[in-house]
Amino acid sequence: MNGLRYGNIGRIHCGPMRRSILFIASTLIFAVGCDTSDRLARLEKQNQELQVAVKGQQAVTDYDLQAKCSKDARAWFNENWSRDKDTILLDFTNHYNKTQNKCLVLVEYHYSSAAGPNATLWTNDMTLTDVYENVKMASFGENHYTYFKPTINTSDNVIICEVLSQKCKSIDEFNTLLAPYLSN
């Protein structure tokens, strides 16, 4: 029996051929182990390069979505709003909210109203709307009075202050509630 010696029953002794095979196998395992660390380093480098490429592509996609939102918000604004003789200010800003994948438009409209012979009135009306769904998400309205008699004084009256059904009481609260939608 080649490679086996009978001195102790149940014991197998290695002959020269078996030692050579074990040596070659252990050398291959060692060599493959070294190659694995080099391969792992190359894969990690390729992974980092791919991540940079993906971020670059994501930036291009984000820019394209922002540009589309800007164009669509302008079209929406022009279709839904117009100036008249009482308009003091009518303007909008748009924002593409990446997290919610929404194109938002914030319209600010100031207009004057008749308040009587001894007073003036102008109103600040602000709305936040989802352009693609044409859904109003927030509203703010405040009247600003100026009285001339008996002395000059002013007063402000909030008419509506609401962001997604959450009530507020001032322009500062309104802006705070809007911030998460207009910040990313």
Protein backbone atom coordinates (compact mmCIF):
# COMPACT_ATOMS: atom_id res chain seq x y z
CA MET A 1 0.00 0.00 0.00
CA ASN A 2 1.60 3.10 -1.25
CA GLY A 3 2.16 5.84 1.31
CA LEU A 4 0.84 3.91 4.30
CA ARG A 5 2.92 2.14 6.85
CA TYR A 6 1.67 -0.38 9.29
CA GLY A 7 3.32 0.30 12.60
CA ASN A 8 0.44 1.73 14.49
CA ILE A 9 -3.04 0.75 13.51
CA GLY A 10 -5.20 3.69 12.54
CA ARG A 11 -2.25 6.02 11.99
CA ILE A 12 -1.46 7.36 8.55
CA HIS A 13 2.02 8.53 7.75
CA CYS A 14 2.84 10.90 4.96
CA GLY A 15 5.11 9.75 2.27
CA PRO A 16 7.27 12.07 0.09
CA MET A 17 4.51 12.48 -2.52
CA ARG A 18 1.95 13.49 0.05
CA ARG A 19 4.36 16.00 1.63
CA SER A 20 4.92 17.56 -1.80
CA ILE A 21 1.18 17.90 -2.36
CA LEU A 22 0.71 19.48 1.07
CA PHE A 23 3.59 21.88 0.39
CA ILE A 24 2.16 22.90 -2.98
CA ALA A 25 -1.34 23.29 -1.52
CA SER A 26 -0.13 25.44 1.39
CA THR A 27 1.96 27.56 -1.01
CA LEU A 28 -1.09 28.08 -3.24
CA ILE A 29 -3.25 29.00 -0.27
CA PHE A 30 -0.62 31.51 0.86
CA ALA A 31 -0.30 32.92 -2.66
CA VAL A 32 -4.07 33.18 -3.08
CA GLY A 33 -4.27 34.86 0.33
CA CYS A 34 -1.79 37.52 -0.78
CA ASP A 35 -3.65 38.00 -4.04
CA THR A 36 -6.92 38.37 -2.12
CA SER A 37 -5.66 41.40 -0.19
CA ASP A 38 -4.44 43.01 -3.44
CA ARG A 39 -7.73 42.19 -5.11
CA LEU A 40 -9.64 43.59 -2.14
CA ALA A 41 -7.64 46.82 -2.28
CA ARG A 42 -8.36 47.14 -6.02
CA LEU A 43 -12.06 46.49 -5.44
CA GLU A 44 -12.20 49.10 -2.68
CA LYS A 45 -10.53 51.64 -4.98
CA GLN A 46 -12.98 50.80 -7.80
CA ASN A 47 -15.86 51.12 -5.34
CA GLN A 48 -14.70 54.61 -4.31
CA GLU A 49 -14.34 55.63 -7.95
CA LEU A 50 -17.86 54.38 -8.68
CA GLN A 51 -19.25 56.28 -5.70
CA VAL A 52 -17.66 59.49 -7.00
CA ALA A 53 -19.12 58.84 -10.45
CA VAL A 54 -22.58 58.15 -8.97
CA LYS A 55 -22.43 61.38 -6.93
CA GLY A 56 -21.45 63.28 -10.05
CA GLN A 57 -24.36 61.77 -11.98
CA GLN A 58 -26.72 62.49 -9.07
CA ALA A 59 -25.60 66.13 -9.10
CA VAL A 60 -26.39 66.34 -12.83
CA THR A 61 -29.80 64.74 -12.24
CA ASP A 62 -30.53 67.13 -9.35
CA TYR A 63 -29.55 70.10 -11.50
CA ASP A 64 -31.82 68.88 -14.31
CA LEU A 65 -34.75 68.47 -11.88
CA GLN A 66 -34.14 71.94 -10.41
CA ALA A 67 -34.05 73.47 -13.90
CA LYS A 68 -37.27 71.66 -14.88
CA CYS A 69 -38.93 72.83 -11.66
CA SER A 70 -37.86 76.42 -12.32
CA LYS A 71 -39.30 76.36 -15.83
CA ASP A 72 -42.53 74.66 -14.74
CA ALA A 73 -42.98 76.95 -11.72
CA ARG A 74 -42.69 80.03 -13.95
CA ALA A 75 -45.31 78.59 -16.34
CA TRP A 76 -47.60 77.72 -13.39
CA PHE A 77 -47.20 81.22 -11.91
CA ASN A 78 -47.92 82.94 -15.24
CA GLU A 79 -51.02 80.79 -15.73
CA ASN A 80 -52.43 81.31 -12.21
CA TRP A 81 -51.47 84.87 -11.22
CA SER A 82 -51.69 88.32 -12.80
CA ARG A 83 -51.30 91.92 -11.70
CA ASP A 84 -54.11 94.43 -11.47
CA LYS A 85 -54.35 98.11 -10.48
CA ASP A 86 -54.25 97.29 -6.75
CA THR A 87 -51.13 95.13 -6.95
CA ILE A 88 -48.20 96.46 -4.96
CA LEU A 89 -45.99 93.37 -5.25
CA LEU A 90 -46.47 90.07 -7.01
CA ASP A 91 -43.54 87.67 -7.12
CA PHE A 92 -42.66 84.03 -6.63
CA THR A 93 -39.76 81.78 -5.75
CA ASN A 94 -39.52 78.14 -6.68
CA HIS A 95 -37.78 75.27 -4.96
CA TYR A 96 -37.25 71.65 -5.92
CA ASN A 97 -37.56 69.59 -2.74
CA LYS A 98 -35.30 66.61 -3.39
CA THR A 99 -36.46 64.61 -0.36
CA GLN A 100 -40.13 64.80 -1.31
CA ASN A 101 -39.51 64.97 -5.07
CA LYS A 102 -41.76 68.03 -5.29
CA CYS A 103 -41.60 71.25 -7.24
CA LEU A 104 -42.82 74.00 -4.93
CA VAL A 105 -43.69 77.61 -5.66
CA LEU A 106 -44.01 80.29 -2.97
CA VAL A 107 -46.07 83.25 -4.20
CA GLU A 108 -46.04 86.56 -2.36
CA TYR A 109 -48.78 89.02 -3.30
CA HIS A 110 -49.21 92.46 -1.73
CA TYR A 111 -52.23 94.50 -2.72
CA SER A 112 -54.02 97.60 -1.48
CA SER A 113 -57.66 97.81 -0.48
CA ALA A 114 -60.00 100.62 0.42
CA ALA A 115 -59.94 101.34 4.13
CA GLY A 116 -61.72 104.69 4.39
CA PRO A 117 -60.79 108.37 4.13
CA ASN A 118 -58.47 108.39 7.15
CA ALA A 119 -56.76 105.00 6.72
CA THR A 120 -54.93 102.77 4.24
CA LEU A 121 -54.93 99.04 4.04
CA TRP A 122 -52.64 96.62 2.25
CA THR A 123 -52.64 92.86 2.48
CA ASN A 124 -49.74 90.41 2.38
CA ASP A 125 -50.95 87.12 0.88
CA MET A 126 -48.48 84.21 0.65
CA THR A 127 -49.11 80.68 -0.61
CA LEU A 128 -46.94 77.60 -1.03
CA THR A 129 -48.15 75.27 -3.78
CA ASP A 130 -47.02 71.94 -5.21
CA VAL A 131 -46.71 72.82 -8.90
CA TYR A 132 -47.28 69.36 -10.38
CA GLU A 133 -50.20 68.38 -8.16
CA ASN A 134 -51.55 71.96 -8.07
CA VAL A 135 -52.18 71.55 -4.34
CA LYS A 136 -51.90 74.46 -1.91
CA MET A 137 -49.71 73.40 1.01
CA ALA A 138 -49.54 76.64 3.01
CA SER A 139 -51.31 79.99 3.30
CA PHE A 140 -50.52 83.22 5.08
CA GLY A 141 -52.61 86.39 4.99
CA GLU A 142 -52.12 89.54 7.00
CA ASN A 143 -53.79 92.96 6.78
CA HIS A 144 -51.68 96.06 7.51
CA TYR A 145 -53.62 99.17 8.51
CA THR A 146 -52.34 102.73 8.73
CA TYR A 147 -54.59 105.29 10.43
CA PHE A 148 -54.00 109.03 9.96
CA LYS A 149 -56.49 110.56 12.45
CA PRO A 150 -56.52 111.44 15.24
CA THR A 151 -52.80 110.47 15.14
CA ILE A 152 -50.78 108.24 12.82
CA ASN A 153 -50.67 104.65 14.01
CA THR A 154 -50.54 101.19 12.51
CA SER A 155 -51.92 97.78 13.25
CA ASP A 156 -51.57 94.32 11.75
CA ASN A 157 -54.12 91.53 11.70
CA VAL A 158 -53.27 87.95 10.70
CA ILE A 159 -56.17 86.56 8.69
CA ILE A 160 -54.82 83.08 7.99
CA CYS A 161 -51.65 81.26 8.93
CA GLU A 162 -51.50 77.57 8.12
CA VAL A 163 -48.94 75.06 6.83
CA LEU A 164 -50.40 71.63 5.97
CA SER A 165 -53.26 72.07 8.45
CA GLN A 166 -50.89 73.22 11.20
CA LYS A 167 -52.05 76.62 12.47
CA CYS A 168 -49.68 79.49 13.20
CA LYS A 169 -50.05 83.06 14.47
CA SER A 170 -47.34 85.16 12.80
CA ILE A 171 -45.17 85.52 9.72
CA ASP A 172 -42.20 84.25 11.75
CA GLU A 173 -44.06 81.06 12.71
CA PHE A 174 -45.18 80.65 9.10
CA ASN A 175 -41.60 80.94 7.82
CA THR A 176 -40.38 78.48 10.48
CA LEU A 177 -43.01 75.94 9.42
CA LEU A 178 -42.11 76.43 5.74
CA ALA A 179 -38.36 75.99 6.28
CA PRO A 180 -38.27 72.16 6.02
CA TYR A 181 -40.00 72.28 2.63
CA LEU A 182 -37.75 74.98 1.20
CA SER A 183 -34.39 73.90 2.60
CA ASN A 184 -33.24 70.74 0.82
